N, C-alpha and C. Protein backbone atom coordinates (compact mmCIF):
# COMPACT_ATOMS: atom_id res chain seq x y z
N UNK A 1 38.14 -26.60 -19.80
CA UNK A 1 36.77 -26.81 -20.22
C UNK A 1 35.83 -26.11 -19.22
N UNK A 2 36.10 -26.31 -17.93
CA UNK A 2 35.25 -25.69 -16.92
C UNK A 2 35.32 -24.19 -16.95
N UNK A 3 36.51 -23.65 -17.18
CA UNK A 3 36.71 -22.21 -17.34
C UNK A 3 35.94 -21.63 -18.48
N UNK A 4 36.05 -22.35 -19.59
CA UNK A 4 35.30 -21.94 -20.80
C UNK A 4 33.74 -21.93 -20.53
N UNK A 5 33.31 -22.91 -19.77
CA UNK A 5 31.84 -22.96 -19.38
C UNK A 5 31.42 -21.83 -18.57
N UNK A 6 32.28 -21.42 -17.62
CA UNK A 6 32.00 -20.31 -16.72
C UNK A 6 31.93 -18.97 -17.50
N UNK A 7 32.91 -18.82 -18.44
CA UNK A 7 32.97 -17.63 -19.26
C UNK A 7 31.75 -17.54 -20.10
N UNK A 8 31.36 -18.70 -20.73
CA UNK A 8 30.12 -18.70 -21.51
C UNK A 8 28.91 -18.32 -20.70
N UNK A 9 28.77 -18.82 -19.52
CA UNK A 9 27.63 -18.51 -18.61
C UNK A 9 27.58 -17.03 -18.31
N UNK A 10 28.74 -16.47 -18.01
CA UNK A 10 28.75 -15.06 -17.68
C UNK A 10 28.41 -14.25 -18.94
N UNK A 11 28.96 -14.65 -20.07
CA UNK A 11 28.65 -13.89 -21.30
C UNK A 11 27.14 -13.93 -21.66
N UNK A 12 26.56 -15.18 -21.54
CA UNK A 12 25.16 -15.36 -21.83
C UNK A 12 24.33 -14.53 -20.86
N UNK A 13 24.69 -14.54 -19.62
CA UNK A 13 23.99 -13.74 -18.59
C UNK A 13 24.00 -12.25 -18.88
N UNK A 14 25.12 -11.80 -19.35
CA UNK A 14 25.30 -10.35 -19.70
C UNK A 14 24.41 -9.99 -20.91
N UNK A 15 24.40 -10.87 -21.93
CA UNK A 15 23.57 -10.65 -23.12
C UNK A 15 22.12 -10.66 -22.79
N UNK A 16 21.75 -11.68 -22.00
CA UNK A 16 20.29 -11.81 -21.58
C UNK A 16 19.85 -10.66 -20.70
N UNK A 17 20.73 -10.17 -19.85
CA UNK A 17 20.44 -8.99 -19.04
C UNK A 17 20.19 -7.80 -19.89
N UNK A 18 21.05 -7.63 -20.94
CA UNK A 18 20.86 -6.49 -21.84
C UNK A 18 19.48 -6.60 -22.61
N UNK A 19 19.09 -7.81 -22.97
CA UNK A 19 17.80 -7.99 -23.57
C UNK A 19 16.69 -7.63 -22.61
N UNK A 20 16.84 -8.11 -21.39
CA UNK A 20 15.83 -7.80 -20.36
C UNK A 20 15.63 -6.32 -20.15
N UNK A 21 16.77 -5.57 -20.16
CA UNK A 21 16.67 -4.12 -20.01
C UNK A 21 15.89 -3.50 -21.16
N UNK A 22 16.20 -3.93 -22.37
CA UNK A 22 15.49 -3.37 -23.50
C UNK A 22 14.01 -3.68 -23.42
N UNK A 23 13.62 -4.92 -23.07
CA UNK A 23 12.23 -5.30 -22.95
C UNK A 23 11.53 -4.50 -21.84
N UNK A 24 12.28 -4.22 -20.72
CA UNK A 24 11.66 -3.41 -19.68
C UNK A 24 11.37 -1.98 -20.11
N UNK A 25 12.17 -1.46 -21.05
CA UNK A 25 11.93 -0.13 -21.57
C UNK A 25 10.67 -0.17 -22.48
N UNK A 26 10.26 -1.31 -22.94
CA UNK A 26 9.14 -1.42 -23.83
C UNK A 26 7.82 -1.76 -23.03
N UNK A 27 7.79 -1.33 -21.76
CA UNK A 27 6.61 -1.58 -20.97
C UNK A 27 5.46 -0.72 -21.44
N UNK A 28 4.21 -1.11 -21.09
CA UNK A 28 3.03 -0.37 -21.49
C UNK A 28 1.92 -0.58 -20.51
N UNK A 29 1.02 0.39 -20.43
CA UNK A 29 -0.13 0.36 -19.52
C UNK A 29 -1.24 -0.43 -20.18
N UNK A 30 -2.11 -1.06 -19.40
CA UNK A 30 -3.27 -1.69 -19.86
C UNK A 30 -4.48 -1.11 -19.11
N UNK A 31 -5.67 -1.07 -19.84
CA UNK A 31 -6.80 -0.28 -19.23
C UNK A 31 -7.30 -0.83 -17.93
N UNK A 32 -7.14 -2.11 -17.62
CA UNK A 32 -7.69 -2.64 -16.40
C UNK A 32 -6.80 -2.51 -15.19
N UNK A 33 -5.66 -1.78 -15.29
CA UNK A 33 -4.74 -1.54 -14.20
C UNK A 33 -4.49 -0.09 -14.03
N UNK A 34 -4.19 0.41 -12.84
CA UNK A 34 -3.79 1.85 -12.66
C UNK A 34 -2.55 2.10 -13.57
N UNK A 35 -2.40 3.35 -14.02
CA UNK A 35 -1.36 3.70 -15.00
C UNK A 35 0.07 3.49 -14.54
N UNK A 36 0.27 3.46 -13.18
CA UNK A 36 1.63 3.19 -12.69
C UNK A 36 2.09 1.78 -12.67
N UNK A 37 1.12 0.89 -12.98
CA UNK A 37 1.45 -0.54 -13.12
C UNK A 37 1.54 -0.86 -14.59
N UNK A 38 2.68 -1.30 -15.00
CA UNK A 38 2.95 -1.52 -16.47
C UNK A 38 3.09 -3.08 -16.71
N UNK A 39 2.75 -3.43 -17.91
CA UNK A 39 3.02 -4.79 -18.40
C UNK A 39 4.29 -4.76 -19.25
N UNK A 40 5.19 -5.71 -19.01
CA UNK A 40 6.39 -5.86 -19.81
C UNK A 40 6.68 -7.35 -19.85
N UNK A 41 7.63 -7.68 -20.73
CA UNK A 41 8.05 -9.05 -20.88
C UNK A 41 9.50 -9.22 -20.53
N UNK A 42 9.97 -8.46 -19.56
CA UNK A 42 11.39 -8.45 -19.22
C UNK A 42 11.80 -9.69 -18.40
N UNK A 43 10.86 -10.47 -17.95
CA UNK A 43 11.22 -11.72 -17.25
C UNK A 43 11.55 -12.83 -18.25
N UNK A 44 11.21 -12.58 -19.51
CA UNK A 44 11.48 -13.55 -20.52
C UNK A 44 12.99 -14.01 -20.65
N UNK A 45 13.91 -13.06 -20.73
CA UNK A 45 15.32 -13.48 -20.73
C UNK A 45 15.80 -14.23 -19.43
N UNK A 46 15.25 -13.80 -18.30
CA UNK A 46 15.55 -14.49 -17.05
C UNK A 46 15.09 -15.91 -16.96
N UNK A 47 13.86 -16.08 -17.49
CA UNK A 47 13.31 -17.41 -17.53
C UNK A 47 14.07 -18.32 -18.47
N UNK A 48 14.43 -17.82 -19.64
CA UNK A 48 15.16 -18.58 -20.57
C UNK A 48 16.55 -18.96 -20.00
N UNK A 49 17.19 -17.97 -19.36
CA UNK A 49 18.49 -18.24 -18.73
C UNK A 49 18.40 -19.25 -17.64
N UNK A 50 17.33 -19.20 -16.85
CA UNK A 50 17.12 -20.13 -15.76
C UNK A 50 16.98 -21.57 -16.31
N UNK A 51 16.26 -21.74 -17.37
CA UNK A 51 16.10 -23.01 -18.02
C UNK A 51 17.43 -23.53 -18.60
N UNK A 52 18.12 -22.63 -19.26
CA UNK A 52 19.34 -22.99 -19.98
C UNK A 52 20.54 -23.23 -19.08
N UNK A 53 20.74 -22.33 -18.09
CA UNK A 53 21.98 -22.43 -17.25
C UNK A 53 21.72 -22.72 -15.81
N UNK A 54 20.46 -22.57 -15.33
CA UNK A 54 20.19 -22.82 -13.94
C UNK A 54 19.58 -21.57 -13.31
N UNK A 55 18.86 -21.77 -12.22
CA UNK A 55 18.15 -20.70 -11.56
C UNK A 55 19.03 -19.54 -11.06
N UNK A 56 20.22 -19.84 -10.64
CA UNK A 56 21.02 -18.76 -10.11
C UNK A 56 21.37 -17.73 -11.16
N UNK A 57 21.63 -18.26 -12.44
CA UNK A 57 21.92 -17.34 -13.51
C UNK A 57 20.63 -16.60 -13.91
N UNK A 58 19.49 -17.23 -13.81
CA UNK A 58 18.24 -16.50 -14.13
C UNK A 58 18.00 -15.36 -13.14
N UNK A 59 18.23 -15.63 -11.87
CA UNK A 59 18.14 -14.59 -10.85
C UNK A 59 19.10 -13.49 -11.12
N UNK A 60 20.32 -13.84 -11.54
CA UNK A 60 21.31 -12.82 -11.83
C UNK A 60 20.85 -11.87 -12.94
N UNK A 61 20.14 -12.43 -13.96
CA UNK A 61 19.61 -11.56 -15.01
C UNK A 61 18.57 -10.59 -14.45
N UNK A 62 17.74 -11.12 -13.59
CA UNK A 62 16.72 -10.19 -12.94
C UNK A 62 17.39 -9.08 -12.12
N UNK A 63 18.43 -9.45 -11.40
CA UNK A 63 19.17 -8.47 -10.54
C UNK A 63 19.85 -7.41 -11.40
N UNK A 64 20.59 -7.89 -12.40
CA UNK A 64 21.31 -6.91 -13.31
C UNK A 64 20.36 -6.00 -13.98
N UNK A 65 19.23 -6.57 -14.47
CA UNK A 65 18.22 -5.77 -15.19
C UNK A 65 17.69 -4.65 -14.26
N UNK A 66 17.34 -4.96 -13.07
CA UNK A 66 16.76 -3.90 -12.18
C UNK A 66 17.78 -2.97 -11.68
N UNK A 67 19.03 -3.45 -11.49
CA UNK A 67 20.09 -2.56 -11.06
C UNK A 67 20.33 -1.49 -12.07
N UNK A 68 20.46 -1.89 -13.37
CA UNK A 68 20.74 -0.97 -14.44
C UNK A 68 19.54 -0.01 -14.69
N UNK A 69 18.35 -0.63 -14.71
CA UNK A 69 17.15 0.22 -14.90
C UNK A 69 17.02 1.25 -13.83
N UNK A 70 17.31 0.81 -12.58
CA UNK A 70 17.26 1.75 -11.49
C UNK A 70 18.26 2.92 -11.60
N UNK A 71 19.45 2.61 -12.10
CA UNK A 71 20.46 3.68 -12.30
C UNK A 71 20.11 4.56 -13.47
N UNK A 72 19.39 4.00 -14.50
CA UNK A 72 19.11 4.77 -15.70
C UNK A 72 17.84 5.60 -15.64
N UNK A 73 16.75 4.97 -15.17
CA UNK A 73 15.51 5.75 -15.33
C UNK A 73 14.47 5.52 -14.15
N UNK A 74 14.92 5.16 -12.94
CA UNK A 74 13.90 4.99 -11.90
C UNK A 74 13.10 6.23 -11.68
N UNK A 75 11.80 6.01 -11.58
CA UNK A 75 10.85 7.10 -11.26
C UNK A 75 10.21 6.90 -9.89
N UNK A 76 10.67 5.82 -9.23
CA UNK A 76 10.05 5.45 -7.99
C UNK A 76 11.06 5.35 -6.81
N UNK A 77 12.26 5.88 -7.01
CA UNK A 77 13.32 5.81 -5.99
C UNK A 77 13.71 4.36 -5.71
N UNK A 78 13.75 3.55 -6.73
CA UNK A 78 14.14 2.12 -6.71
C UNK A 78 13.10 1.20 -6.14
N UNK A 79 11.93 1.71 -5.77
CA UNK A 79 10.93 0.86 -5.15
C UNK A 79 10.36 -0.04 -6.24
N UNK A 80 10.06 0.49 -7.38
CA UNK A 80 9.51 -0.40 -8.51
C UNK A 80 10.52 -1.40 -8.89
N UNK A 81 11.79 -1.08 -8.94
CA UNK A 81 12.82 -2.04 -9.30
C UNK A 81 12.95 -3.12 -8.27
N UNK A 82 12.82 -2.73 -6.98
CA UNK A 82 12.89 -3.74 -5.91
C UNK A 82 11.72 -4.72 -6.05
N UNK A 83 10.54 -4.21 -6.27
CA UNK A 83 9.35 -5.06 -6.48
C UNK A 83 9.55 -5.96 -7.68
N UNK A 84 10.00 -5.42 -8.81
CA UNK A 84 10.25 -6.23 -9.97
C UNK A 84 11.23 -7.37 -9.75
N UNK A 85 12.28 -7.04 -9.00
CA UNK A 85 13.31 -8.03 -8.69
C UNK A 85 12.75 -9.17 -7.77
N UNK A 86 12.01 -8.82 -6.77
CA UNK A 86 11.43 -9.79 -5.86
C UNK A 86 10.51 -10.77 -6.65
N UNK A 87 9.62 -10.19 -7.47
CA UNK A 87 8.66 -11.01 -8.19
C UNK A 87 9.39 -11.82 -9.30
N UNK A 88 10.24 -11.18 -10.04
CA UNK A 88 10.93 -11.86 -11.14
C UNK A 88 11.87 -12.97 -10.65
N UNK A 89 12.61 -12.70 -9.61
CA UNK A 89 13.51 -13.72 -9.02
C UNK A 89 12.71 -14.93 -8.58
N UNK A 90 11.57 -14.70 -7.92
CA UNK A 90 10.68 -15.79 -7.42
C UNK A 90 10.26 -16.64 -8.66
N UNK A 91 9.80 -15.98 -9.68
CA UNK A 91 9.30 -16.62 -10.92
C UNK A 91 10.41 -17.50 -11.50
N UNK A 92 11.54 -16.93 -11.89
CA UNK A 92 12.54 -17.66 -12.58
C UNK A 92 13.24 -18.70 -11.73
N UNK A 93 13.34 -18.44 -10.40
CA UNK A 93 14.00 -19.44 -9.54
C UNK A 93 13.15 -20.72 -9.43
N UNK A 94 11.88 -20.55 -9.16
CA UNK A 94 11.05 -21.76 -9.02
C UNK A 94 10.89 -22.53 -10.36
N UNK A 95 10.73 -21.79 -11.43
CA UNK A 95 10.66 -22.44 -12.72
C UNK A 95 11.93 -23.21 -13.05
N UNK A 96 13.02 -22.57 -12.81
CA UNK A 96 14.30 -23.17 -13.09
C UNK A 96 14.62 -24.35 -12.16
N UNK A 97 14.29 -24.30 -10.94
CA UNK A 97 14.53 -25.40 -9.99
C UNK A 97 13.72 -26.68 -10.40
N UNK A 98 12.43 -26.44 -10.74
CA UNK A 98 11.61 -27.57 -11.23
C UNK A 98 12.18 -28.21 -12.45
N UNK A 99 12.61 -27.28 -13.42
CA UNK A 99 13.15 -27.82 -14.71
C UNK A 99 14.47 -28.52 -14.51
N UNK A 100 15.30 -28.05 -13.60
CA UNK A 100 16.63 -28.68 -13.40
C UNK A 100 16.48 -30.10 -12.81
N UNK A 101 15.42 -30.39 -12.14
CA UNK A 101 15.24 -31.71 -11.56
C UNK A 101 15.04 -32.81 -12.59
N UNK A 102 14.27 -32.40 -13.65
CA UNK A 102 14.03 -33.27 -14.75
C UNK A 102 13.78 -32.49 -16.02
N UNK A 103 14.78 -32.44 -16.86
CA UNK A 103 14.70 -31.55 -18.02
C UNK A 103 13.87 -32.15 -19.15
N UNK A 104 12.61 -31.68 -19.13
CA UNK A 104 11.67 -32.14 -20.16
C UNK A 104 10.70 -30.99 -20.40
N UNK A 105 10.00 -31.10 -21.53
CA UNK A 105 8.96 -30.06 -21.86
C UNK A 105 7.90 -29.98 -20.76
N UNK A 106 7.48 -31.12 -20.24
CA UNK A 106 6.48 -31.21 -19.23
C UNK A 106 6.93 -30.49 -17.97
N UNK A 107 8.21 -30.77 -17.49
CA UNK A 107 8.67 -30.16 -16.31
C UNK A 107 8.89 -28.65 -16.48
N UNK A 108 9.28 -28.28 -17.67
CA UNK A 108 9.37 -26.81 -18.01
C UNK A 108 8.02 -26.10 -17.84
N UNK A 109 7.00 -26.79 -18.36
CA UNK A 109 5.64 -26.24 -18.32
C UNK A 109 5.14 -26.13 -16.84
N UNK A 110 5.42 -27.23 -16.12
CA UNK A 110 5.00 -27.26 -14.72
C UNK A 110 5.78 -26.21 -13.92
N UNK A 111 7.09 -26.13 -14.18
CA UNK A 111 7.91 -25.14 -13.50
C UNK A 111 7.44 -23.70 -13.80
N UNK A 112 7.13 -23.42 -15.08
CA UNK A 112 6.75 -22.06 -15.43
C UNK A 112 5.40 -21.76 -14.74
N UNK A 113 4.46 -22.69 -14.70
CA UNK A 113 3.18 -22.44 -14.09
C UNK A 113 3.30 -22.28 -12.57
N UNK A 114 4.13 -23.12 -11.95
CA UNK A 114 4.39 -22.93 -10.48
C UNK A 114 5.09 -21.61 -10.17
N UNK A 115 6.02 -21.28 -11.11
CA UNK A 115 6.72 -20.00 -10.96
C UNK A 115 5.74 -18.80 -11.02
N UNK A 116 4.87 -18.86 -11.97
CA UNK A 116 3.86 -17.75 -12.17
C UNK A 116 2.94 -17.71 -10.96
N UNK A 117 2.53 -18.85 -10.45
CA UNK A 117 1.63 -18.92 -9.28
C UNK A 117 2.37 -18.34 -8.06
N UNK A 118 3.68 -18.74 -7.88
CA UNK A 118 4.46 -18.27 -6.76
C UNK A 118 4.65 -16.75 -6.83
N UNK A 119 4.93 -16.24 -8.06
CA UNK A 119 5.16 -14.83 -8.24
C UNK A 119 3.88 -14.04 -7.89
N UNK A 120 2.71 -14.54 -8.29
CA UNK A 120 1.43 -13.95 -7.96
C UNK A 120 1.18 -13.99 -6.48
N UNK A 121 1.46 -15.11 -5.86
CA UNK A 121 1.24 -15.26 -4.40
C UNK A 121 2.17 -14.34 -3.61
N UNK A 122 3.42 -14.33 -3.95
CA UNK A 122 4.38 -13.47 -3.18
C UNK A 122 4.10 -11.95 -3.44
N UNK A 123 3.46 -11.63 -4.54
CA UNK A 123 3.17 -10.24 -4.80
C UNK A 123 2.27 -9.61 -3.76
N UNK A 124 1.38 -10.46 -3.13
CA UNK A 124 0.47 -9.91 -2.13
C UNK A 124 1.22 -9.45 -0.90
N UNK A 125 2.00 -10.33 -0.17
CA UNK A 125 2.68 -9.86 1.01
C UNK A 125 3.81 -8.90 0.68
N UNK A 126 4.47 -9.06 -0.39
CA UNK A 126 5.61 -8.11 -0.72
C UNK A 126 5.06 -6.76 -0.95
N UNK A 127 3.96 -6.62 -1.72
CA UNK A 127 3.40 -5.28 -1.96
C UNK A 127 2.74 -4.68 -0.67
N UNK A 128 2.04 -5.51 0.01
CA UNK A 128 1.28 -5.02 1.21
C UNK A 128 2.23 -4.62 2.28
N UNK A 129 3.23 -5.40 2.63
CA UNK A 129 4.11 -5.15 3.77
C UNK A 129 5.38 -4.35 3.42
N UNK A 130 5.80 -4.34 2.18
CA UNK A 130 7.10 -3.76 1.85
C UNK A 130 6.92 -2.57 0.83
N UNK A 131 6.43 -2.92 -0.39
CA UNK A 131 6.51 -1.97 -1.51
C UNK A 131 5.53 -0.78 -1.26
N UNK A 132 4.24 -1.05 -0.98
CA UNK A 132 3.32 0.04 -0.85
C UNK A 132 3.54 0.91 0.35
N UNK A 133 3.93 0.38 1.51
CA UNK A 133 4.30 1.20 2.62
C UNK A 133 5.44 2.18 2.27
N UNK A 134 6.36 1.76 1.38
CA UNK A 134 7.41 2.69 0.95
C UNK A 134 6.86 3.72 0.02
N UNK A 135 6.00 3.26 -0.89
CA UNK A 135 5.33 4.19 -1.87
C UNK A 135 4.60 5.32 -1.15
N UNK A 136 3.92 4.95 -0.04
CA UNK A 136 3.10 5.95 0.65
C UNK A 136 3.98 7.05 1.28
N UNK A 137 5.27 6.88 1.34
CA UNK A 137 6.15 7.96 1.84
C UNK A 137 6.15 9.10 0.73
N UNK A 138 5.89 8.69 -0.51
CA UNK A 138 5.95 9.64 -1.57
C UNK A 138 4.63 10.07 -2.12
N UNK A 139 3.58 9.23 -1.91
CA UNK A 139 2.25 9.48 -2.40
C UNK A 139 1.27 9.00 -1.35
N UNK A 140 0.30 9.79 -0.96
CA UNK A 140 -0.72 9.39 0.00
C UNK A 140 -1.47 8.12 -0.38
N UNK A 141 -1.80 7.26 0.54
CA UNK A 141 -2.50 6.06 0.26
C UNK A 141 -3.91 6.37 -0.45
N UNK A 142 -4.44 7.50 -0.10
CA UNK A 142 -5.74 7.88 -0.69
C UNK A 142 -5.59 8.11 -2.20
N UNK A 143 -4.45 8.68 -2.61
CA UNK A 143 -4.21 8.88 -4.03
C UNK A 143 -4.01 7.58 -4.73
N UNK A 144 -3.31 6.69 -4.11
CA UNK A 144 -3.05 5.35 -4.66
C UNK A 144 -4.37 4.59 -4.88
N UNK A 145 -5.18 4.62 -3.78
CA UNK A 145 -6.48 3.93 -3.86
C UNK A 145 -7.36 4.60 -4.88
N UNK A 146 -7.24 5.88 -5.03
CA UNK A 146 -8.06 6.60 -6.02
C UNK A 146 -7.82 6.10 -7.41
N UNK A 147 -6.57 5.73 -7.71
CA UNK A 147 -6.29 5.19 -9.06
C UNK A 147 -6.93 3.82 -9.29
N UNK A 148 -6.99 3.06 -8.24
CA UNK A 148 -7.70 1.77 -8.31
C UNK A 148 -9.21 1.97 -8.47
N UNK A 149 -9.68 2.89 -7.60
CA UNK A 149 -11.14 3.18 -7.57
C UNK A 149 -11.65 3.77 -8.86
N UNK A 150 -10.77 4.44 -9.57
CA UNK A 150 -11.16 4.97 -10.93
C UNK A 150 -11.54 3.85 -11.88
N UNK A 151 -10.97 2.65 -11.64
CA UNK A 151 -11.28 1.45 -12.49
C UNK A 151 -12.44 0.65 -11.88
N UNK A 152 -12.35 0.51 -10.57
CA UNK A 152 -13.42 -0.25 -9.83
C UNK A 152 -13.61 0.40 -8.48
N UNK A 153 -14.85 0.94 -8.26
CA UNK A 153 -15.14 1.67 -7.05
C UNK A 153 -15.01 0.86 -5.78
N UNK A 154 -15.05 -0.47 -5.90
CA UNK A 154 -15.02 -1.29 -4.69
C UNK A 154 -13.68 -1.48 -4.05
N UNK A 155 -12.62 -0.90 -4.69
CA UNK A 155 -11.24 -0.96 -4.13
C UNK A 155 -11.11 -0.01 -2.96
N UNK A 156 -11.75 -0.32 -1.86
CA UNK A 156 -11.78 0.60 -0.73
C UNK A 156 -10.65 0.40 0.24
N UNK A 157 -9.84 -0.63 0.05
CA UNK A 157 -8.68 -0.78 0.89
C UNK A 157 -7.47 -1.31 0.05
N UNK A 158 -6.31 -1.10 0.54
CA UNK A 158 -5.16 -1.57 -0.21
C UNK A 158 -5.16 -3.06 -0.41
N UNK A 159 -5.53 -3.80 0.67
CA UNK A 159 -5.56 -5.25 0.60
C UNK A 159 -6.50 -5.73 -0.50
N UNK A 160 -7.70 -5.08 -0.52
CA UNK A 160 -8.71 -5.47 -1.53
C UNK A 160 -8.21 -5.16 -2.92
N UNK A 161 -7.57 -3.98 -3.09
CA UNK A 161 -7.05 -3.59 -4.43
C UNK A 161 -5.93 -4.56 -4.89
N UNK A 162 -5.08 -5.02 -3.96
CA UNK A 162 -4.02 -5.92 -4.36
C UNK A 162 -4.59 -7.29 -4.77
N UNK A 163 -5.61 -7.75 -4.03
CA UNK A 163 -6.16 -9.08 -4.33
C UNK A 163 -6.94 -9.02 -5.63
N UNK A 164 -7.72 -7.95 -5.89
CA UNK A 164 -8.52 -7.90 -7.11
C UNK A 164 -7.68 -7.60 -8.33
N UNK A 165 -6.69 -6.70 -8.17
CA UNK A 165 -5.91 -6.22 -9.29
C UNK A 165 -4.56 -6.86 -9.47
N UNK A 166 -3.68 -6.67 -8.47
CA UNK A 166 -2.29 -6.99 -8.65
C UNK A 166 -2.04 -8.46 -8.70
N UNK A 167 -2.65 -9.28 -7.90
CA UNK A 167 -2.38 -10.73 -7.86
C UNK A 167 -2.75 -11.34 -9.23
N UNK A 168 -3.95 -11.13 -9.72
CA UNK A 168 -4.23 -11.74 -11.09
C UNK A 168 -3.38 -11.16 -12.19
N UNK A 169 -3.05 -9.82 -12.13
CA UNK A 169 -2.25 -9.27 -13.13
C UNK A 169 -0.85 -9.88 -13.15
N UNK A 170 -0.28 -10.08 -11.97
CA UNK A 170 1.05 -10.67 -11.81
C UNK A 170 1.12 -12.12 -12.32
N UNK A 171 -0.02 -12.87 -12.12
CA UNK A 171 -0.08 -14.23 -12.61
C UNK A 171 -0.17 -14.20 -14.16
N UNK A 172 -0.98 -13.28 -14.69
CA UNK A 172 -1.11 -13.12 -16.09
C UNK A 172 0.23 -12.75 -16.79
N UNK A 173 0.97 -11.88 -16.14
CA UNK A 173 2.29 -11.46 -16.66
C UNK A 173 3.23 -12.68 -16.68
N UNK A 174 3.17 -13.49 -15.67
CA UNK A 174 4.02 -14.70 -15.61
C UNK A 174 3.63 -15.63 -16.70
N UNK A 175 2.38 -15.86 -16.94
CA UNK A 175 1.94 -16.70 -18.02
C UNK A 175 2.36 -16.22 -19.40
N UNK A 176 2.33 -14.89 -19.63
CA UNK A 176 2.72 -14.35 -20.93
C UNK A 176 4.21 -14.60 -21.15
N UNK A 177 5.04 -14.37 -20.11
CA UNK A 177 6.47 -14.61 -20.22
C UNK A 177 6.80 -16.14 -20.48
N UNK A 178 5.97 -17.00 -19.73
CA UNK A 178 6.15 -18.42 -19.94
C UNK A 178 5.77 -18.85 -21.38
N UNK A 179 4.66 -18.32 -21.89
CA UNK A 179 4.28 -18.70 -23.27
C UNK A 179 5.28 -18.18 -24.28
N UNK A 180 5.83 -17.05 -24.17
CA UNK A 180 6.88 -16.56 -25.10
C UNK A 180 8.16 -17.43 -25.01
N UNK A 181 8.46 -17.88 -23.81
CA UNK A 181 9.59 -18.73 -23.57
C UNK A 181 9.43 -20.04 -24.32
N UNK A 182 8.24 -20.61 -24.24
CA UNK A 182 7.97 -21.88 -24.93
C UNK A 182 8.03 -21.77 -26.46
N UNK A 183 7.71 -20.56 -26.89
CA UNK A 183 7.71 -20.35 -28.36
C UNK A 183 9.14 -20.29 -28.95
N UNK A 184 10.15 -19.83 -28.08
CA UNK A 184 11.46 -19.57 -28.63
C UNK A 184 12.57 -20.39 -27.98
N UNK A 185 12.30 -21.00 -26.82
CA UNK A 185 13.40 -21.60 -26.06
C UNK A 185 14.17 -22.71 -26.82
N UNK A 186 13.37 -23.61 -27.49
CA UNK A 186 14.02 -24.80 -28.05
C UNK A 186 14.94 -24.33 -29.25
N UNK A 187 14.59 -23.21 -29.87
CA UNK A 187 15.38 -22.76 -31.04
C UNK A 187 16.67 -22.10 -30.58
N UNK A 188 16.68 -21.47 -29.40
CA UNK A 188 17.90 -20.77 -29.04
C UNK A 188 18.68 -21.45 -27.91
N UNK A 189 18.12 -22.48 -27.31
CA UNK A 189 18.88 -23.13 -26.16
C UNK A 189 20.21 -23.69 -26.58
N UNK A 190 20.33 -24.32 -27.80
CA UNK A 190 21.69 -24.84 -28.14
C UNK A 190 22.76 -23.73 -28.20
N UNK A 191 22.36 -22.51 -28.63
CA UNK A 191 23.31 -21.44 -28.67
C UNK A 191 23.71 -21.00 -27.29
N UNK A 192 22.75 -20.93 -26.39
CA UNK A 192 23.02 -20.53 -25.02
C UNK A 192 23.92 -21.56 -24.29
N UNK A 193 23.73 -22.76 -24.59
CA UNK A 193 24.48 -23.81 -23.95
C UNK A 193 25.80 -24.16 -24.67
N UNK A 194 26.06 -23.49 -25.79
CA UNK A 194 27.34 -23.70 -26.54
C UNK A 194 27.38 -25.00 -27.27
N UNK A 195 26.21 -25.51 -27.74
CA UNK A 195 26.15 -26.75 -28.48
C UNK A 195 25.97 -26.42 -29.94
N UNK A 196 26.35 -27.41 -30.74
CA UNK A 196 26.10 -27.24 -32.19
C UNK A 196 24.62 -27.32 -32.47
N UNK A 197 24.14 -26.45 -33.41
CA UNK A 197 22.78 -26.42 -33.79
C UNK A 197 22.44 -27.49 -34.86
């Protein structure tokens, strides 16, 4: 029985990773963000997996998604994929941990909100100290800031740009993924857990 459970978890993780990859290919720009920052819903499968199987499996979905995307189509030398993994893993881990303590709709909601907040909060130091310093090896900081300033002239420093643009955007992205999860999770969770519908 335990072996069957492990096989099911691996299979579900593989399927959800494939879905996450497809959703990441469906990313799109929004007018209030620089064009190199895209909105996608690829954390959705990771969050669903984290609720259904536990946070380790949700993190695995985020890792596999970014590994495959990096091998297939990276345009940033894996920097974008690293950032996506850091933020996505934070989101699904915290949401999953909260939900695993008490499995209820309320704890799922609290977990998803806390996960979205944590993802937004971690985006500031991870972008400022890790991701953007690597980006500037390929593109001057002046060019990066110019893309922000084209939207809002007050983005005169990287820190200011991240606080005004990236942090709220990341929180919004988390909320979108959480909302979609709430719309479909109850219908598909029995399948993921191997229970009769």
